[in-house]
Amino acid sequence: MKWLLTLLTPWKSELFAMVGVLAVCGVGATIAGYLHIQRQNEQIEAKDARIGDLVTANKGWAAHSAEQDRLRALEQQNVLLLQDKLALIEQQNTAAAVQLKELENSNAEVRELMARRLPDDLRRLLEQQK
């Protein structure tokens, strides 16, 4: 081991300078790495907060979409019910028109009444039923 110290003695000051430069570079790299990691952590926290906000917004949109689907289903049910009601009204209208025609054919008074001038509102109502 003594032989190594003897061999390195002429370059002792250069070796100390090199170790000092490496130490300074190491400290500088450590500080730069630390600052870089801190910046990345800040970015991750900002993105995490943004993702949390987006998740909350998406939950709101999902609830809104479910409500829209429910309203569309109700609207469809209403349309079907209204179509059934319209068909029933048309059946009743047809039946009333048939009854009116039979009454007109079988009863002379009704025939005479239908032959005379009727008020416009009554005539429109009766003609609608035919």
Protein backbone atom coordinates (compact mmCIF):
# COMPACT_ATOMS: atom_id res chain seq x y z
CA MET A 1 0.00 0.00 0.00
CA LYS A 2 2.95 2.27 0.74
CA TRP A 3 4.17 1.89 -2.79
CA LEU A 4 0.79 3.30 -4.05
CA LEU A 5 1.11 6.35 -1.80
CA THR A 6 4.62 6.87 -3.06
CA LEU A 7 3.47 6.59 -6.63
CA LEU A 8 0.59 9.08 -6.15
CA THR A 9 2.53 11.64 -4.09
CA PRO A 10 3.62 13.77 -7.08
CA TRP A 11 -0.01 14.16 -8.17
CA LYS A 12 -1.48 14.66 -4.76
CA SER A 13 -2.66 18.24 -5.34
CA GLU A 14 -4.19 17.33 -8.72
CA LEU A 15 -6.03 14.40 -7.11
CA PHE A 16 -7.42 16.63 -4.34
CA ALA A 17 -8.54 19.14 -6.99
CA MET A 18 -10.20 16.38 -8.99
CA VAL A 19 -11.99 15.06 -5.91
CA GLY A 20 -13.13 18.62 -5.11
CA VAL A 21 -14.44 19.14 -8.65
CA LEU A 22 -16.27 15.80 -8.50
CA ALA A 23 -17.75 16.74 -5.11
CA VAL A 24 -18.94 20.11 -6.45
CA CYS A 25 -20.38 18.43 -9.56
CA GLY A 26 -22.07 15.79 -7.41
CA VAL A 27 -23.61 18.41 -5.14
CA GLY A 28 -24.74 20.42 -8.18
CA ALA A 29 -26.23 17.34 -9.84
CA THR A 30 -27.97 16.40 -6.60
CA ILE A 31 -29.49 19.88 -6.28
CA ALA A 32 -30.56 19.87 -9.95
CA GLY A 33 -32.08 16.38 -9.54
CA TYR A 34 -33.89 17.44 -6.36
CA LEU A 35 -35.33 20.55 -8.05
CA HIS A 36 -36.38 18.47 -11.06
CA ILE A 37 -38.14 15.94 -8.83
CA GLN A 38 -39.89 18.74 -6.94
CA ARG A 39 -41.12 20.24 -10.22
CA GLN A 40 -42.39 16.84 -11.35
CA ASN A 41 -44.21 16.37 -8.04
CA GLU A 42 -45.90 19.76 -8.48
CA GLN A 43 -46.97 18.81 -12.00
CA ILE A 44 -48.29 15.47 -10.78
CA GLU A 45 -50.29 17.18 -8.03
CA ALA A 46 -51.73 19.69 -10.52
CA LYS A 47 -52.67 16.90 -12.93
CA ASP A 48 -54.15 14.85 -10.09
CA ALA A 49 -56.33 17.79 -9.07
CA ARG A 50 -57.39 18.29 -12.70
CA ILE A 51 -58.23 14.60 -13.06
CA GLY A 52 -60.27 14.77 -9.85
CA ASP A 53 -62.22 17.73 -11.24
CA LEU A 54 -62.82 15.88 -14.50
CA VAL A 55 -63.99 12.78 -12.65
CA THR A 56 -66.46 14.91 -10.70
CA ALA A 57 -67.66 16.54 -13.92
CA ASN A 58 -68.03 13.15 -15.60
CA LYS A 59 -70.11 11.88 -12.69
CA GLY A 60 -72.35 14.91 -13.14
CA TRP A 61 -72.63 14.22 -16.87
CA ALA A 62 -73.40 10.57 -16.21
CA ALA A 63 -76.21 11.57 -13.86
CA HIS A 64 -77.48 14.09 -16.40
CA SER A 65 -77.37 11.48 -19.16
CA ALA A 66 -79.28 8.99 -17.00
CA GLU A 67 -81.91 11.65 -16.30
CA GLN A 68 -82.20 12.39 -20.03
CA ASP A 69 -82.65 8.68 -20.78
CA ARG A 70 -85.35 8.46 -18.11
CA LEU A 71 -87.15 11.48 -19.58
CA ARG A 72 -86.94 10.00 -23.09
CA ALA A 73 -88.46 6.75 -21.82
CA LEU A 74 -91.29 8.69 -20.15
CA GLU A 75 -91.82 10.68 -23.34
CA GLN A 76 -92.02 7.46 -25.34
CA GLN A 77 -94.58 6.06 -22.89
CA ASN A 78 -96.60 9.26 -23.18
CA VAL A 79 -96.53 9.06 -26.97
CA LEU A 80 -97.80 5.49 -26.86
CA LEU A 81 -100.54 6.42 -24.40
CA LEU A 82 -101.57 9.39 -26.53
CA GLN A 83 -101.68 7.19 -29.63
CA ASP A 84 -103.92 4.72 -27.78
CA LYS A 85 -106.14 7.59 -26.61
CA LEU A 86 -106.35 8.97 -30.16
CA ALA A 87 -107.31 5.56 -31.51
CA LEU A 88 -110.03 5.29 -28.84
CA ILE A 89 -111.35 8.76 -29.70
CA GLU A 90 -111.41 7.89 -33.40
CA GLN A 91 -113.32 4.67 -32.63
CA GLN A 92 -115.82 6.62 -30.54
CA ASN A 93 -116.12 9.22 -33.32
CA THR A 94 -116.76 6.51 -35.90
CA ALA A 95 -119.31 4.82 -33.65
CA ALA A 96 -121.09 8.14 -33.04
CA ALA A 97 -121.15 8.85 -36.79
CA VAL A 98 -122.65 5.41 -37.45
CA GLN A 99 -125.26 5.94 -34.73
CA LEU A 100 -126.11 9.37 -36.14
CA LYS A 101 -126.48 7.93 -39.66
CA GLU A 102 -128.68 5.11 -38.35
CA LEU A 103 -130.75 7.61 -36.38
CA GLU A 104 -131.09 9.80 -39.46
CA ASN A 105 -132.19 6.82 -41.57
CA SER A 106 -134.64 5.45 -38.99
CA ASN A 107 -136.17 8.63 -37.58
CA ALA A 108 -138.07 11.10 -39.77
CA GLU A 109 -137.71 13.94 -37.26
CA VAL A 110 -133.93 13.61 -37.27
CA ARG A 111 -133.94 13.43 -41.08
CA GLU A 112 -136.03 16.62 -41.21
CA LEU A 113 -133.74 18.31 -38.66
CA MET A 114 -130.62 17.34 -40.66
CA ALA A 115 -132.26 18.65 -43.87
CA ARG A 116 -132.90 22.08 -42.36
CA ARG A 117 -130.36 24.79 -41.88
CA LEU A 118 -128.39 23.99 -38.72
CA PRO A 119 -126.22 26.43 -36.81
CA ASP A 120 -122.71 26.35 -38.25
CA ASP A 121 -121.10 25.04 -35.05
CA LEU A 122 -123.58 22.17 -34.79
CA ARG A 123 -123.27 21.32 -38.49
CA ARG A 124 -119.43 21.24 -38.23
CA LEU A 125 -119.65 19.02 -35.18
CA LEU A 126 -122.04 16.61 -36.86
CA GLU A 127 -120.13 16.60 -40.15
CA GLN A 128 -116.92 15.86 -38.29
CA GLN A 129 -118.52 12.75 -36.83
CA LYS A 130 -119.61 11.36 -40.20
